[in-house]
Protein backbone atom coordinates (compact mmCIF):
# COMPACT_ATOMS: atom_id res chain seq x y z
CA MET A 1 56.46 80.17 77.67
CA ASN A 2 57.63 81.39 74.33
CA SER A 3 54.60 81.16 72.04
CA LYS A 4 56.85 80.27 69.07
CA HIS A 5 57.62 76.97 70.65
CA VAL A 6 53.91 76.07 70.80
CA PHE A 7 54.33 75.39 67.11
CA LEU A 8 57.97 74.54 66.88
CA GLY A 9 58.37 72.13 69.65
CA VAL A 10 61.70 70.74 68.37
CA ALA A 11 63.25 74.00 67.15
CA ILE A 12 66.08 75.19 69.40
CA SER A 13 67.17 78.82 69.65
CA ALA A 14 70.88 79.70 69.21
CA VAL A 15 72.59 82.35 71.16
CA SER A 16 72.71 85.77 69.46
CA LEU A 17 76.16 86.53 67.91
CA SER A 18 77.34 83.08 68.91
CA GLY A 19 80.03 83.31 66.24
CA CYS A 20 81.68 86.17 68.07
CA GLY A 21 83.62 83.64 70.06
CA GLY A 22 86.26 84.02 67.35
CA SER A 23 87.34 87.34 68.77
CA ASP A 24 91.05 87.50 69.77
CA ASN A 25 90.38 90.02 72.55
CA THR A 26 91.54 88.91 75.98
CA LEU A 27 89.88 88.51 79.32
CA GLY A 28 92.12 87.66 82.30
CA SER A 29 91.68 84.49 84.43
CA SER A 30 92.57 84.31 88.07
CA ASP A 31 91.67 80.66 88.52
CA GLY A 32 94.82 78.56 88.66
CA GLY A 33 93.10 75.78 90.59
CA ASP A 34 93.50 74.80 94.25
CA GLN A 35 94.60 71.50 95.75
CA ASN A 36 91.58 71.57 97.98
CA ASP A 37 89.14 71.85 95.15
CA GLN A 38 86.80 68.83 94.76
CA PHE A 39 86.94 68.88 91.00
CA LYS A 40 89.24 68.45 88.03
CA ARG A 41 90.38 71.45 86.01
CA LYS A 42 91.84 71.62 82.55
CA VAL A 43 92.68 74.38 80.11
CA VAL A 44 91.81 73.02 76.63
CA ASP A 45 93.77 74.26 73.70
CA ALA A 46 91.00 75.00 71.19
CA ARG A 47 92.72 77.79 69.39
CA SER A 48 92.56 76.15 65.95
CA TYR A 49 89.74 77.31 63.64
CA ASP A 50 89.96 74.09 61.65
CA LYS A 51 90.72 71.20 64.03
CA ALA A 52 88.77 70.22 67.15
CA THR A 53 90.35 69.09 70.43
CA TYR A 54 88.78 65.99 72.03
CA LEU A 55 88.62 65.54 75.80
CA ASN A 56 88.01 62.34 77.80
CA LEU A 57 86.41 63.27 81.14
CA ASP A 58 87.30 59.95 82.75
CA THR A 59 91.07 60.37 82.24
CA GLY A 60 91.21 64.16 82.07
CA LYS A 61 93.31 63.89 78.91
CA THR A 62 92.84 64.99 75.34
CA VAL A 63 92.69 62.40 72.58
CA GLU A 64 94.49 62.95 69.28
CA LEU A 65 91.93 62.23 66.53
CA THR A 66 91.13 63.52 63.07
CA GLU A 67 87.55 64.68 62.44
CA GLU A 68 86.87 61.47 60.52
CA GLU A 69 88.35 59.30 63.30
CA ALA A 70 86.22 61.13 65.91
CA LYS A 71 83.00 60.26 64.05
CA SER A 72 83.48 56.58 64.88
CA SER A 73 85.30 56.87 68.20
CA SER A 74 83.86 56.55 71.70
CA ALA A 75 87.22 57.48 73.32
CA TRP A 76 86.24 61.12 73.86
CA HIS A 77 83.29 62.86 75.56
CA LEU A 78 83.50 66.57 74.64
CA SER A 79 84.98 68.34 71.62
CA PHE A 80 86.21 71.91 71.57
CA LYS A 81 86.84 74.23 68.58
CA ARG A 82 87.27 77.89 69.62
CA ASP A 83 84.04 78.64 71.58
CA ALA A 84 82.09 75.62 70.22
CA ILE A 85 81.61 72.68 72.57
CA GLU A 86 79.86 69.47 71.47
CA VAL A 87 79.12 66.11 73.00
CA ASN A 88 80.20 62.73 71.41
CA ASN A 89 76.91 61.80 69.81
CA GLY A 90 75.04 62.03 66.48
CA ALA A 91 76.78 63.15 63.33
CA ILE A 92 80.06 64.14 64.91
CA GLY A 93 80.96 61.15 67.11
CA GLY A 94 80.64 57.46 67.67
CA GLY A 95 79.66 57.70 71.34
CA ASN A 96 76.41 57.86 73.21
CA VAL A 97 77.19 60.92 75.33
CA LYS A 98 74.24 63.04 76.40
CA GLY A 99 74.07 66.32 78.32
CA ALA A 100 71.56 68.25 80.46
CA VAL A 101 71.43 71.53 82.26
CA LEU A 102 71.75 71.19 86.03
CA GLU A 103 72.10 74.87 87.02
CA PRO A 104 70.92 77.36 84.39
CA GLN A 105 72.26 80.40 86.34
CA ASP A 106 69.04 82.33 85.67
CA LYS A 107 70.23 85.00 88.09
CA PHE A 108 72.56 86.26 85.35
CA TYR A 109 69.74 86.66 82.76
CA THR A 110 66.56 88.69 82.42
CA ASP A 111 63.16 87.04 82.03
CA SER A 112 63.47 87.51 78.26
CA GLY A 113 66.81 85.74 78.21
CA GLU A 114 69.13 88.75 77.86
CA PRO A 115 72.41 88.48 79.85
CA LYS A 116 72.89 90.87 82.77
CA LEU A 117 76.38 91.81 81.72
CA ASP A 118 77.00 94.18 84.65
CA LEU A 119 76.11 91.44 87.08
CA LEU A 120 78.24 88.91 85.25
CA LYS A 121 81.24 91.32 85.45
CA GLN A 122 80.76 92.14 89.12
CA ALA A 123 79.38 88.99 90.74
CA ALA A 124 80.43 86.00 88.57
CA ASN A 125 83.90 84.64 89.21
CA ASN A 126 85.74 81.39 89.56
CA ASP A 127 85.58 81.34 93.35
CA SER A 128 81.97 82.47 93.79
CA GLU A 129 80.65 79.80 91.37
CA LYS A 130 82.60 76.77 92.69
CA ALA A 131 79.74 75.85 95.08
CA VAL A 132 77.21 75.43 92.30
CA LEU A 133 79.53 72.95 90.53
CA GLU A 134 79.88 70.81 93.65
CA ALA A 135 76.18 70.98 94.73
CA ASP A 136 73.68 68.10 94.72
CA TYR A 137 71.07 68.16 91.93
CA PRO A 138 67.94 66.19 91.03
CA ALA A 139 68.29 63.97 88.04
CA PRO A 140 67.54 65.96 84.88
CA GLU A 141 64.33 65.22 83.02
CA GLU A 142 65.53 66.47 79.57
CA TRP A 143 68.77 65.27 77.97
CA TYR A 144 70.34 66.34 74.65
CA GLY A 145 72.51 64.22 72.40
CA GLY A 146 73.13 64.85 68.74
CA GLU A 147 70.17 67.14 67.94
CA ILE A 148 71.24 69.93 65.57
CA THR A 149 71.21 73.44 66.94
CA ASN A 150 71.11 75.77 63.91
CA ARG A 151 72.42 79.29 64.12
CA PHE A 152 69.23 80.91 63.01
CA GLY A 153 67.11 79.50 65.81
CA ASP A 154 63.49 80.77 65.75
CA LYS A 155 64.30 84.44 65.26
CA TRP A 156 63.26 84.51 61.62
CA TYR A 157 59.54 83.90 62.07
CA THR A 158 56.71 84.67 64.45
CA TYR A 159 53.80 82.46 65.49
CA ASP A 160 50.28 83.80 65.71
CA LEU A 161 48.34 82.24 68.56
CA THR A 162 45.04 83.40 67.10
CA THR A 163 45.37 81.95 63.62
CA HIS A 164 47.99 79.30 64.51
CA SER A 165 50.00 80.39 61.47
CA VAL A 166 53.62 81.24 61.06
CA VAL A 167 54.84 84.34 59.25
CA GLU A 168 58.23 85.92 58.61
CA ASP A 169 60.07 88.30 60.85
CA SER A 170 61.83 90.51 58.30
CA SER A 171 63.18 92.92 61.02
CA VAL A 172 66.27 90.67 61.46
CA GLY A 173 68.96 89.33 59.13
CA TRP A 174 72.18 87.33 59.05
CA LEU A 175 75.53 87.16 57.35
CA VAL A 176 76.19 83.67 55.93
CA ARG A 177 79.19 81.92 54.46
CA SER A 178 78.93 79.54 51.51
CA ALA A 179 79.62 75.80 51.58
CA GLU A 180 82.86 76.51 49.70
CA GLY A 181 83.91 78.89 52.50
CA ASN A 182 85.06 81.56 50.02
CA SER A 183 81.93 83.65 49.42
CA TYR A 184 79.37 85.31 51.65
CA ALA A 185 75.92 86.77 51.64
CA ARG A 186 73.62 89.09 53.60
CA MET A 187 70.35 87.34 54.16
CA ARG A 188 66.85 87.86 55.52
CA VAL A 189 63.51 86.08 55.23
CA GLU A 190 61.29 88.47 53.29
CA GLN A 191 58.18 86.31 53.18
CA LEU A 192 56.94 83.20 54.98
CA LYS A 193 53.44 81.80 55.36
CA PHE A 194 52.44 78.56 56.93
CA ASP A 195 48.73 78.06 57.56
CA PRO A 196 48.12 74.59 59.07
CA ARG A 197 44.53 74.42 58.01
CA PRO A 198 43.84 71.72 55.37
CA THR A 199 42.19 74.27 53.14
CA ALA A 200 45.31 76.43 52.88
CA THR A 201 46.85 76.26 49.43
CA ASP A 202 49.34 79.15 49.33
CA ASN A 203 51.93 78.29 52.00
CA ASN A 204 55.22 79.70 50.70
CA PHE A 205 58.60 81.35 51.51
CA ARG A 206 60.97 83.87 50.03
CA ILE A 207 64.54 84.52 51.27
CA ARG A 208 66.69 87.29 49.91
CA PHE A 209 70.51 87.23 49.47
CA ASP A 210 72.98 89.97 48.63
CA VAL A 211 76.12 88.10 47.60
CA GLN A 212 79.85 88.81 48.01
CA PRO A 213 81.39 86.23 45.67
CA GLU A 214 84.84 84.73 45.84
CA GLY A 215 87.51 87.42 45.37
CA ALA A 216 85.12 90.33 45.74
CA GLU A 217 85.51 93.01 48.43
CA GLN A 218 81.87 93.87 48.68
CA PHE A 219 78.32 92.75 47.90
CA THR A 220 78.08 92.66 44.13
CA ASN A 221 74.91 90.71 43.36
CA SER A 222 71.70 91.97 45.03
CA LYS A 223 68.25 90.52 45.63
CA ILE A 224 69.02 86.91 44.77
CA LEU A 225 65.88 85.02 45.75
CA PHE A 226 65.39 81.60 47.22
CA GLU A 227 61.61 81.05 47.05
CA GLY A 228 58.87 78.53 46.48
CA PRO A 229 55.98 76.68 48.04
CA LEU A 230 56.36 75.39 51.60
CA SER A 231 55.63 71.82 50.79
CA GLN A 232 58.58 69.48 51.17
CA LEU A 233 60.80 68.23 53.90
CA GLU A 234 64.11 69.76 52.63
CA THR A 235 64.78 72.50 50.05
CA CYS A 236 68.35 73.61 49.36
CA PHE A 237 69.78 76.76 47.79
CA ASP A 238 73.21 77.64 46.39
CA PHE A 239 73.33 81.40 46.60
CA ASP A 240 76.64 81.93 44.67
CA ALA A 241 75.82 79.61 41.78
CA GLY A 242 76.46 81.32 38.46
CA ILE A 243 78.56 84.11 39.93
CA THR A 244 82.14 84.67 38.75
CA GLY A 245 84.09 87.68 39.87
CA GLY A 246 80.88 89.56 40.64
CA ALA A 247 79.24 88.80 37.30
CA GLY A 248 76.07 86.74 36.86
CA SER A 249 72.69 88.39 36.69
CA ASN A 250 70.79 85.08 37.03
CA ALA A 251 72.69 83.99 40.08
CA GLY A 252 71.54 81.51 42.69
CA SER A 253 70.05 78.07 42.20
CA THR A 254 67.76 75.67 44.03
CA VAL A 255 69.68 72.36 44.15
CA ASN A 256 69.04 68.80 45.18
CA CYS A 257 69.85 68.41 48.90
CA GLU A 258 70.86 64.81 48.50
CA THR A 259 73.19 65.05 45.45
CA SER A 260 74.61 68.54 45.70
CA SER A 261 77.53 69.25 48.01
CA LEU A 262 77.40 72.99 47.28
CA TRP A 263 74.10 73.89 48.87
CA ASP A 264 74.55 76.88 51.20
CA ILE A 265 71.14 77.21 52.93
CA LYS A 266 68.67 74.39 53.68
CA LEU A 267 65.05 75.01 54.58
CA VAL A 268 63.68 72.12 56.62
CA PHE A 269 59.93 71.81 56.91
CA ASP A 270 58.28 68.91 58.76
CA VAL A 271 54.55 69.43 59.19
CA ASN A 272 54.18 66.19 61.08
CA ALA A 273 56.88 67.03 63.60
CA ARG A 274 55.67 70.65 63.59
CA SER A 275 59.17 72.01 62.93
CA LEU A 276 60.64 74.64 60.68
CA GLU A 277 64.39 75.26 60.45
CA LEU A 278 67.11 77.00 58.48
CA ARG A 279 70.53 75.42 58.32
CA THR A 280 73.89 76.15 56.87
CA ASN A 281 76.12 73.63 55.11
CA SER A 282 78.42 73.21 58.09
CA GLY A 283 79.22 71.35 61.28
CA ALA A 284 76.42 69.01 62.33
CA SER A 285 74.25 70.01 59.35
CA GLY A 286 76.55 69.35 56.39
CA ASP A 287 80.08 68.60 55.21
CA GLY A 288 80.64 72.15 53.83
CA ASP A 289 82.58 75.14 55.27
CA GLY A 290 79.52 77.30 55.66
CA GLY A 291 78.43 79.20 58.76
CA ALA A 292 76.37 82.10 59.99
CA LEU A 293 76.82 85.34 61.93
CA GLY A 294 74.00 87.11 63.63
CA GLU A 295 71.16 87.84 64.13
CA PHE A 296 71.38 91.55 63.38
CA PRO A 297 68.60 94.16 63.23
CA TRP A 298 67.99 94.49 59.47
CA ASN A 299 68.18 98.26 59.75
CA ASP A 300 71.74 97.87 60.98
CA LEU A 301 72.67 95.18 58.55
CA VAL A 302 71.78 97.20 55.48
CA ASP A 303 74.71 99.47 56.38
CA TYR A 304 77.19 96.66 55.78
CA GLY A 305 78.87 96.96 52.44
CA LYS A 306 80.61 93.65 52.81
CA ALA A 307 80.22 90.48 54.86
CA THR A 308 83.87 90.28 55.85
CA GLU A 309 84.27 93.52 57.74
CA GLU A 310 82.35 95.49 60.39
CA PRO A 311 81.53 98.91 58.80
CA VAL A 312 82.35 101.18 61.74
CA SER A 313 85.39 99.61 63.41
CA GLY A 314 86.76 97.90 60.35
CA GLN A 315 87.17 94.67 62.41
CA SER A 316 87.46 91.54 60.30
CA LEU A 317 84.43 89.23 60.51
CA VAL A 318 86.00 86.30 58.68
CA ASN A 319 86.70 84.21 61.77
CA LEU A 320 83.44 84.98 63.52
CA TYR A 321 81.17 82.76 61.38
CA ALA A 322 79.89 79.77 63.38
CA PRO A 323 78.89 76.35 62.02
CA ASP A 324 75.70 74.51 62.98
CA ALA A 325 76.27 72.47 66.09
CA SER A 326 74.64 69.92 68.38
CA GLY A 327 74.31 69.13 72.06
CA VAL A 328 73.48 70.80 75.34
CA PHE A 329 76.18 73.45 75.21
CA ASN A 330 74.46 74.84 72.16
CA VAL A 331 70.98 74.58 73.52
CA LYS A 332 72.04 76.58 76.59
CA SER A 333 75.23 78.45 75.91
CA TRP A 334 78.06 78.55 78.42
CA TYR A 335 78.86 82.20 77.85
CA ALA A 336 77.41 85.63 77.25
CA TYR A 337 78.89 87.89 74.61
CA ASP A 338 79.97 91.34 75.81
CA PRO A 339 79.94 93.71 72.82
CA SER A 340 81.54 96.51 74.85
CA LYS A 341 84.78 94.55 75.19
CA HIS A 342 84.26 91.95 72.39
CA VAL A 343 84.80 89.21 74.88
CA LEU A 344 83.04 86.05 76.06
CA ARG A 345 82.01 86.06 79.67
CA PRO A 346 81.33 82.62 81.25
CA ASN A 347 77.97 82.28 82.87
CA PHE A 348 79.11 79.34 84.99
CA ARG A 349 76.19 77.16 84.09
CA VAL A 350 76.48 73.57 85.28
CA TYR A 351 75.87 70.77 82.88
CA ALA A 352 75.41 67.05 83.47
CA ILE A 353 77.37 64.89 81.02
CA ASP A 354 76.36 61.25 80.89
CA THR A 355 79.41 59.55 79.33
CA ASP A 356 77.31 56.63 78.01
CA SER A 357 73.57 57.04 77.97
CA THR A 358 73.10 53.35 77.08
CA ASP A 359 74.93 52.16 80.22
CA PRO A 360 73.28 52.99 83.61
CA SER A 361 76.58 52.36 85.37
CA SER A 362 78.55 54.89 83.25
CA PRO A 363 79.94 58.00 85.09
CA VAL A 364 77.85 61.21 85.01
CA TYR A 365 79.86 64.41 85.54
CA ALA A 366 78.88 67.92 86.54
CA VAL A 367 80.71 70.17 84.10
CA GLN A 368 81.27 73.96 84.20
CA ILE A 369 83.10 76.22 81.77
CA ALA A 370 84.96 78.82 83.85
CA GLY A 371 86.61 80.86 81.09
CA TYR A 372 87.67 81.12 77.51
CA TYR A 373 91.09 82.78 77.82
CA GLY A 374 93.18 80.16 79.57
CA ASP A 375 95.78 81.08 82.12
CA ASP A 376 97.67 83.37 79.71
CA THR A 377 94.56 85.52 78.77
CA GLN A 378 94.58 84.37 75.11
CA SER A 379 91.32 83.42 73.41
CA GLY A 380 90.40 79.90 72.31
CA GLN A 381 91.37 78.16 75.54
CA PRO A 382 88.27 77.06 77.47
CA ILE A 383 88.76 76.36 81.17
CA VAL A 384 86.83 73.23 82.02
CA ARG A 385 85.98 72.10 85.58
CA TRP A 386 84.19 68.86 86.38
CA THR A 387 83.42 66.47 89.12
CA GLN A 388 81.30 63.33 89.60
CA ALA A 389 77.70 64.44 89.63
CA SER A 390 75.63 63.96 92.75
CA LEU A 391 72.12 63.38 91.45
CA THR A 392 69.69 63.07 94.30
CA GLN A 393 66.99 61.13 92.53
CA GLY A 394 66.40 59.08 89.39
CA GLU A 395 68.94 57.24 87.27
CA ASN A 396 71.36 58.51 84.64
């Protein structure tokens, strides 16, 4: 068991480099479906970076909705935007859809959770993994609905089993995009202390940003600090406040989380729930156009002169930033990122999707993502396979 989760029972780790699903590299698909298959198959057009595609598993059809319409609609079950898949629940939908992991495909991962990319390349394919989709499974014990999965996960701190305190992990960092979507920053947690003892009086945090403001081609404002006592439920920071065209020596501002729409990073601290999170103003966390990319070893990230371009290859990073998300597909990702090819390799995990968790008679489907590159090898086209789930015990 990860000792970090002894303290942070509700914090959920995100997949490293999850934003890299924006890559336009290709990976061929040989799965055109077979009339003897005992499941439905659909290639979902999720190529848009701005608009989600909504799928109804009962009908097998997509539903035309705006984002605002989707928030109050129960006519869809899964939404797709590039590599991001979410269930109709919580902040993004009007439904009561919940998901669970039926087959985690641990054979494709090490004990520490790293993907076995060579094995995925050689042994994981559409035909070999059909059987796991159609298998019988016990009813899941843990279901996920609209809980937020932030992109920072639990990689920015460490938990000390001896002192039961939490401190920073400054060996890693992230690239983050502002709520406005037009400025960026390099970020790491430089200091964090949470001592749960009642006598502790100096619990605090300090997060550093190097900012690339709107219109700039590089980081122009360094060591902008978001800091303070670790004492309240939510604390928000606008890292590009006061910067115009690279100017602004006193940049950055702590802002009111409730009244400001321009916060970029939110620190959530709930001592009663024993949770500690960082969020971006995006997706399931906020109405902004923020996002995050990483985590990176800080020793590598310091070589980045800008947040919009990879320093060695010159590859654009603009479309790789991922918003905060929710649901089972973000708790347990459906893919592994292959940095050698800059592609997403499906891990063929099987998920249970309960189409209405408030109705015991509602259908529960076993769902598997069998690819990301459609039938024409172009990115942003998840291949979805699903069938009625055979749960051997319990109720949905």
